[in-house]
């Protein structure tokens, strides 16, 4: 288990990550729907995430959501890199009623995010749906992986956002699977 801490004037976060865990989430961001998404991410990726988080929620949820993404991304990077014999690429299509969300990732060492879930304006509970992109941008750039997260169809914000967390979780789990081939999964010999 690896532990990462981040302390700023806006947030104080301590996160523990076990990449090959049982899929459990413990703790709280103190944002109900976001905790539901972190639980979903842990469950479907197989990671164990323990979170102790205090943020300036009296301002809004942005700093907390983004900083949790930063810390989780840093933890994933520390555990995964340098890359060994893993599949490297992973993809998933997740259906939630009318919504179909896709995620394709590359454990590349080169951070890039293509994110298109349509217009995410509105709230899911008290959570601003647009913060979904902020979370994934912070996570992707700090984990140094490439990801494309897109909506094929859907209109219910809850389904779209939750579908994105589930699709990313499953694609990450698939990319991190041990490969039957030995060595680094790159013609460069390094990632």
C-alpha atoms as a PDB file:
ATOM      1  CA  UNK A   1       0.000   0.000   0.000  1.00  0.00           C
ATOM      2  CA  UNK A   2       1.317   3.431  -0.933  1.00  0.00           C
ATOM      3  CA  UNK A   3       0.406   6.672   0.834  1.00  0.00           C
ATOM      4  CA  UNK A   4       0.356  10.148  -0.728  1.00  0.00           C
ATOM      5  CA  UNK A   5      -0.388  13.392   1.095  1.00  0.00           C
ATOM      6  CA  UNK A   6      -1.222  16.828  -0.270  1.00  0.00           C
ATOM      7  CA  UNK A   7      -1.649  19.850   1.977  1.00  0.00           C
ATOM      8  CA  UNK A   8      -2.580  23.245   0.568  1.00  0.00           C
ATOM      9  CA  UNK A   9      -4.545  26.238   1.810  1.00  0.00           C
ATOM     10  CA  UNK A  10      -7.555  24.709   0.032  1.00  0.00           C
ATOM     11  CA  UNK A  11      -7.324  20.993   0.852  1.00  0.00           C
ATOM     12  CA  UNK A  12      -5.648  18.536   3.208  1.00  0.00           C
ATOM     13  CA  UNK A  13      -5.621  15.050   1.714  1.00  0.00           C
ATOM     14  CA  UNK A  14      -4.080  11.740   2.732  1.00  0.00           C
ATOM     15  CA  UNK A  15      -4.722   8.840   0.372  1.00  0.00           C
ATOM     16  CA  UNK A  16      -3.637   5.210   0.617  1.00  0.00           C
ATOM     17  CA  UNK A  17      -3.776   3.023  -2.477  1.00  0.00           C
ATOM     18  CA  UNK A  18      -3.461  -0.727  -2.939  1.00  0.00           C
ATOM     19  CA  UNK A  19      -3.517  -1.314  -6.687  1.00  0.00           C
ATOM     20  CA  UNK A  20      -4.290  -5.031  -6.490  1.00  0.00           C
ATOM     21  CA  UNK A  21      -6.810  -4.916  -3.689  1.00  0.00           C
ATOM     22  CA  UNK A  22     -10.344  -6.087  -3.080  1.00  0.00           C
ATOM     23  CA  UNK A  23     -12.077  -3.054  -4.631  1.00  0.00           C
ATOM     24  CA  UNK A  24     -12.893  -1.201  -1.427  1.00  0.00           C
ATOM     25  CA  UNK A  25     -13.235   2.509  -0.737  1.00  0.00           C
ATOM     26  CA  UNK A  26     -12.945   3.825   2.822  1.00  0.00           C
ATOM     27  CA  UNK A  27     -13.097   7.391   4.029  1.00  0.00           C
ATOM     28  CA  UNK A  28     -14.780  10.404   2.532  1.00  0.00           C
ATOM     29  CA  UNK A  29     -14.308  13.542   0.483  1.00  0.00           C
ATOM     30  CA  UNK A  30     -17.391  14.860   2.290  1.00  0.00           C
ATOM     31  CA  UNK A  31     -19.112  15.166  -1.108  1.00  0.00           C
ATOM     32  CA  UNK A  32     -21.798  12.488  -1.279  1.00  0.00           C
ATOM     33  CA  UNK A  33     -21.977  11.813  -5.006  1.00  0.00           C
ATOM     34  CA  UNK A  34     -18.196  12.074  -5.424  1.00  0.00           C
ATOM     35  CA  UNK A  35     -17.724   9.472  -2.677  1.00  0.00           C
ATOM     36  CA  UNK A  36     -20.178   7.262  -4.592  1.00  0.00           C
ATOM     37  CA  UNK A  37     -17.976   7.709  -7.702  1.00  0.00           C
ATOM     38  CA  UNK A  38     -14.760   6.932  -5.800  1.00  0.00           C
ATOM     39  CA  UNK A  39     -16.427   3.810  -4.406  1.00  0.00           C
ATOM     40  CA  UNK A  40     -17.448   2.866  -7.961  1.00  0.00           C
ATOM     41  CA  UNK A  41     -13.895   3.464  -9.211  1.00  0.00           C
ATOM     42  CA  UNK A  42     -12.420   1.276  -6.480  1.00  0.00           C
ATOM     43  CA  UNK A  43     -14.987  -1.499  -6.934  1.00  0.00           C
ATOM     44  CA  UNK A  44     -14.619  -1.868 -10.690  1.00  0.00           C
ATOM     45  CA  UNK A  45     -10.834  -1.397 -10.858  1.00  0.00           C
ATOM     46  CA  UNK A  46     -10.071  -3.723  -7.955  1.00  0.00           C
ATOM     47  CA  UNK A  47      -8.101  -0.990  -6.179  1.00  0.00           C
ATOM     48  CA  UNK A  48      -8.377  -0.304  -2.466  1.00  0.00           C
ATOM     49  CA  UNK A  49      -8.605   3.422  -1.749  1.00  0.00           C
ATOM     50  CA  UNK A  50      -8.471   4.910   1.744  1.00  0.00           C
ATOM     51  CA  UNK A  51      -9.142   8.642   1.807  1.00  0.00           C
ATOM     52  CA  UNK A  52      -8.869  11.259   4.539  1.00  0.00           C
ATOM     53  CA  UNK A  53      -9.904  14.576   3.024  1.00  0.00           C
ATOM     54  CA  UNK A  54     -10.757  18.057   4.228  1.00  0.00           C
ATOM     55  CA  UNK A  55     -11.445  20.745   1.664  1.00  0.00           C
ATOM     56  CA  UNK A  56     -12.827  24.245   1.372  1.00  0.00           C
ATOM     57  CA  UNK A  57     -16.324  23.000   0.585  1.00  0.00           C
ATOM     58  CA  UNK A  58     -17.755  26.320   1.790  1.00  0.00           C
ATOM     59  CA  UNK A  59     -16.258  27.800  -1.415  1.00  0.00           C
ATOM     60  CA  UNK A  60     -17.322  24.981  -3.755  1.00  0.00           C
ATOM     61  CA  UNK A  61     -16.327  21.389  -4.572  1.00  0.00           C
ATOM     62  CA  UNK A  62     -13.767  22.164  -7.299  1.00  0.00           C
ATOM     63  CA  UNK A  63     -10.575  22.191  -5.212  1.00  0.00           C
ATOM     64  CA  UNK A  64     -11.482  18.988  -3.379  1.00  0.00           C
ATOM     65  CA  UNK A  65     -12.417  17.038  -6.510  1.00  0.00           C
ATOM     66  CA  UNK A  66      -9.358  18.204  -8.456  1.00  0.00           C
ATOM     67  CA  UNK A  67      -6.935  17.609  -5.585  1.00  0.00           C
ATOM     68  CA  UNK A  68      -8.261  14.099  -4.935  1.00  0.00           C
ATOM     69  CA  UNK A  69      -7.627  13.449  -8.641  1.00  0.00           C
ATOM     70  CA  UNK A  70      -4.070  14.790  -8.299  1.00  0.00           C
ATOM     71  CA  UNK A  71      -3.302  12.620  -5.268  1.00  0.00           C
ATOM     72  CA  UNK A  72      -4.877   9.480  -6.752  1.00  0.00           C
ATOM     73  CA  UNK A  73      -2.974  10.045 -10.001  1.00  0.00           C
ATOM     74  CA  UNK A  74       0.319  10.447  -8.125  1.00  0.00           C
ATOM     75  CA  UNK A  75      -0.354   7.224  -6.206  1.00  0.00           C
ATOM     76  CA  UNK A  76      -1.161   5.265  -9.377  1.00  0.00           C
ATOM     77  CA  UNK A  77       1.996   6.581 -11.045  1.00  0.00           C
ATOM     78  CA  UNK A  78       4.200   5.596  -8.104  1.00  0.00           C
ATOM     79  CA  UNK A  79       2.801   2.066  -8.063  1.00  0.00           C
ATOM     80  CA  UNK A  80       2.757   1.428 -11.838  1.00  0.00           C
ATOM     81  CA  UNK A  81       6.005   3.049 -13.016  1.00  0.00           C
ATOM     82  CA  UNK A  82       8.450   1.828 -14.052  1.00  0.00           C
ATOM     83  CA  UNK A  83       6.158  -0.390 -16.094  1.00  0.00           C
ATOM     84  CA  UNK A  84       6.749  -4.128 -16.142  1.00  0.00           C
ATOM     85  CA  UNK A  85       5.066  -6.948 -18.055  1.00  0.00           C
ATOM     86  CA  UNK A  86       1.498  -5.623 -18.219  1.00  0.00           C
ATOM     87  CA  UNK A  87      -1.019  -5.520 -21.049  1.00  0.00           C
ATOM     88  CA  UNK A  88      -0.518  -1.706 -21.229  1.00  0.00           C
ATOM     89  CA  UNK A  89      -3.697  -1.021 -23.248  1.00  0.00           C
ATOM     90  CA  UNK A  90      -7.202  -1.359 -21.867  1.00  0.00           C
ATOM     91  CA  UNK A  91     -10.677  -0.473 -23.023  1.00  0.00           C
ATOM     92  CA  UNK A  92     -14.223  -0.777 -21.786  1.00  0.00           C
ATOM     93  CA  UNK A  93     -17.752   0.083 -22.860  1.00  0.00           C
ATOM     94  CA  UNK A  94     -20.178   0.523 -19.974  1.00  0.00           C
ATOM     95  CA  UNK A  95     -23.936   0.659 -20.306  1.00  0.00           C
ATOM     96  CA  UNK A  96     -26.061   2.396 -17.685  1.00  0.00           C
ATOM     97  CA  UNK A  97     -29.636   2.317 -18.938  1.00  0.00           C
ATOM     98  CA  UNK A  98     -29.741   4.806 -21.853  1.00  0.00           C
ATOM     99  CA  UNK A  99     -26.070   5.810 -21.499  1.00  0.00           C
ATOM    100  CA  UNK A 100     -23.129   4.133 -23.201  1.00  0.00           C
ATOM    101  CA  UNK A 101     -19.716   5.395 -22.105  1.00  0.00           C
ATOM    102  CA  UNK A 102     -16.373   4.253 -23.479  1.00  0.00           C
ATOM    103  CA  UNK A 103     -12.867   4.443 -22.050  1.00  0.00           C
ATOM    104  CA  UNK A 104      -9.628   3.466 -23.755  1.00  0.00           C
ATOM    105  CA  UNK A 105      -6.295   3.928 -22.007  1.00  0.00           C
ATOM    106  CA  UNK A 106      -2.593   3.479 -22.601  1.00  0.00           C
ATOM    107  CA  UNK A 107      -0.190   3.114 -19.677  1.00  0.00           C
ATOM    108  CA  UNK A 108       2.295   5.135 -21.697  1.00  0.00           C
ATOM    109  CA  UNK A 109       4.183   7.551 -19.457  1.00  0.00           C
ATOM    110  CA  UNK A 110       2.795  10.275 -21.737  1.00  0.00           C
ATOM    111  CA  UNK A 111      -0.181  12.055 -20.156  1.00  0.00           C
ATOM    112  CA  UNK A 112      -3.035  12.899 -22.497  1.00  0.00           C
ATOM    113  CA  UNK A 113      -6.775  13.177 -21.997  1.00  0.00           C
ATOM    114  CA  UNK A 114      -9.460  13.261 -24.644  1.00  0.00           C
ATOM    115  CA  UNK A 115     -12.705  13.798 -22.766  1.00  0.00           C
ATOM    116  CA  UNK A 116     -16.071  14.158 -24.471  1.00  0.00           C
ATOM    117  CA  UNK A 117     -19.156  13.310 -22.473  1.00  0.00           C
ATOM    118  CA  UNK A 118     -21.152  16.084 -24.106  1.00  0.00           C
ATOM    119  CA  UNK A 119     -22.230  19.145 -22.167  1.00  0.00           C
ATOM    120  CA  UNK A 120     -22.061  18.325 -18.464  1.00  0.00           C
ATOM    121  CA  UNK A 121     -24.043  21.237 -17.103  1.00  0.00           C
ATOM    122  CA  UNK A 122     -26.139  20.680 -14.045  1.00  0.00           C
ATOM    123  CA  UNK A 123     -25.841  18.833 -10.790  1.00  0.00           C
ATOM    124  CA  UNK A 124     -26.021  15.255  -9.643  1.00  0.00           C
ATOM    125  CA  UNK A 125     -27.109  15.683  -6.060  1.00  0.00           C
ATOM    126  CA  UNK A 126     -24.958  18.630  -4.954  1.00  0.00           C
ATOM    127  CA  UNK A 127     -22.103  17.617  -7.300  1.00  0.00           C
ATOM    128  CA  UNK A 128     -21.447  19.845 -10.331  1.00  0.00           C
ATOM    129  CA  UNK A 129     -21.331  17.390 -13.249  1.00  0.00           C
ATOM    130  CA  UNK A 130     -18.625  19.458 -14.977  1.00  0.00           C
ATOM    131  CA  UNK A 131     -16.234  18.472 -12.165  1.00  0.00           C
ATOM    132  CA  UNK A 132     -16.098  14.977 -13.664  1.00  0.00           C
ATOM    133  CA  UNK A 133     -13.710  16.297 -16.331  1.00  0.00           C
ATOM    134  CA  UNK A 134     -11.623  18.170 -13.742  1.00  0.00           C
ATOM    135  CA  UNK A 135     -11.182  14.966 -11.746  1.00  0.00           C
ATOM    136  CA  UNK A 136     -10.127  12.897 -14.738  1.00  0.00           C
ATOM    137  CA  UNK A 137      -7.765  15.581 -16.059  1.00  0.00           C
ATOM    138  CA  UNK A 138      -5.996  15.729 -12.683  1.00  0.00           C
ATOM    139  CA  UNK A 139      -5.874  11.933 -12.362  1.00  0.00           C
ATOM    140  CA  UNK A 140      -4.639  11.318 -15.926  1.00  0.00           C
ATOM    141  CA  UNK A 141      -1.929  13.973 -15.951  1.00  0.00           C
ATOM    142  CA  UNK A 142      -0.580  12.967 -12.554  1.00  0.00           C
ATOM    143  CA  UNK A 143      -0.626   9.246 -13.309  1.00  0.00           C
ATOM    144  CA  UNK A 144       1.055   9.947 -16.674  1.00  0.00           C
ATOM    145  CA  UNK A 145      -1.226   7.749 -18.710  1.00  0.00           C
ATOM    146  CA  UNK A 146      -3.256   8.493 -21.839  1.00  0.00           C
ATOM    147  CA  UNK A 147      -7.033   8.159 -21.808  1.00  0.00           C
ATOM    148  CA  UNK A 148      -9.968   8.743 -24.117  1.00  0.00           C
ATOM    149  CA  UNK A 149     -13.278   8.878 -22.245  1.00  0.00           C
ATOM    150  CA  UNK A 150     -16.285   9.431 -24.481  1.00  0.00           C
ATOM    151  CA  UNK A 151     -20.052   9.215 -24.546  1.00  0.00           C
ATOM    152  CA  UNK A 152     -21.584   7.208 -27.372  1.00  0.00           C
ATOM    153  CA  UNK A 153     -25.102   8.072 -26.193  1.00  0.00           C
ATOM    154  CA  UNK A 154     -27.079   9.088 -23.121  1.00  0.00           C
ATOM    155  CA  UNK A 155     -28.789  12.057 -21.503  1.00  0.00           C
ATOM    156  CA  UNK A 156     -29.122  11.312 -17.761  1.00  0.00           C
ATOM    157  CA  UNK A 157     -26.245  13.097 -15.977  1.00  0.00           C
ATOM    158  CA  UNK A 158     -26.031  10.524 -13.197  1.00  0.00           C
ATOM    159  CA  UNK A 159     -25.741   7.681 -15.704  1.00  0.00           C
ATOM    160  CA  UNK A 160     -23.190   9.531 -17.852  1.00  0.00           C
ATOM    161  CA  UNK A 161     -20.877  10.489 -14.997  1.00  0.00           C
ATOM    162  CA  UNK A 162     -21.122   7.125 -13.248  1.00  0.00           C
ATOM    163  CA  UNK A 163     -20.600   5.384 -16.582  1.00  0.00           C
ATOM    164  CA  UNK A 164     -17.373   7.352 -17.053  1.00  0.00           C
ATOM    165  CA  UNK A 165     -16.017   6.270 -13.664  1.00  0.00           C
ATOM    166  CA  UNK A 166     -16.971   2.640 -14.315  1.00  0.00           C
ATOM    167  CA  UNK A 167     -15.566   2.592 -17.859  1.00  0.00           C
ATOM    168  CA  UNK A 168     -12.292   4.125 -16.739  1.00  0.00           C
ATOM    169  CA  UNK A 169     -12.029   1.690 -13.825  1.00  0.00           C
ATOM    170  CA  UNK A 170     -12.547  -1.363 -16.017  1.00  0.00           C
ATOM    171  CA  UNK A 171     -10.170  -0.124 -18.731  1.00  0.00           C
ATOM    172  CA  UNK A 172      -7.490   0.560 -16.098  1.00  0.00           C
ATOM    173  CA  UNK A 173      -7.913  -2.908 -14.615  1.00  0.00           C
ATOM    174  CA  UNK A 174      -7.558  -4.463 -18.064  1.00  0.00           C
ATOM    175  CA  UNK A 175      -4.478  -2.378 -18.944  1.00  0.00           C
ATOM    176  CA  UNK A 176      -2.754  -3.358 -15.697  1.00  0.00           C
ATOM    177  CA  UNK A 177      -3.320  -7.103 -16.144  1.00  0.00           C
ATOM    178  CA  UNK A 178      -0.130  -9.114 -16.120  1.00  0.00           C
ATOM    179  CA  UNK A 179       0.962  -9.926 -19.637  1.00  0.00           C
ATOM    180  CA  UNK A 180       1.889 -13.424 -20.771  1.00  0.00           C
ATOM    181  CA  UNK A 181       4.729 -11.801 -22.702  1.00  0.00           C
ATOM    182  CA  UNK A 182       7.811 -10.910 -20.704  1.00  0.00           C
ATOM    183  CA  UNK A 183       9.422  -7.508 -20.675  1.00  0.00           C
ATOM    184  CA  UNK A 184       8.269  -3.960 -21.263  1.00  0.00           C
ATOM    185  CA  UNK A 185       5.246  -3.712 -23.614  1.00  0.00           C
ATOM    186  CA  UNK A 186       6.951  -1.220 -25.941  1.00  0.00           C
ATOM    187  CA  UNK A 187       9.245  -1.353 -28.971  1.00  0.00           C
ATOM    188  CA  UNK A 188      11.219   1.418 -27.287  1.00  0.00           C
ATOM    189  CA  UNK A 189      12.056  -0.929 -24.423  1.00  0.00           C
ATOM    190  CA  UNK A 190      10.912   1.620 -21.854  1.00  0.00           C
ATOM    191  CA  UNK A 191       7.721   3.422 -20.835  1.00  0.00           C
END
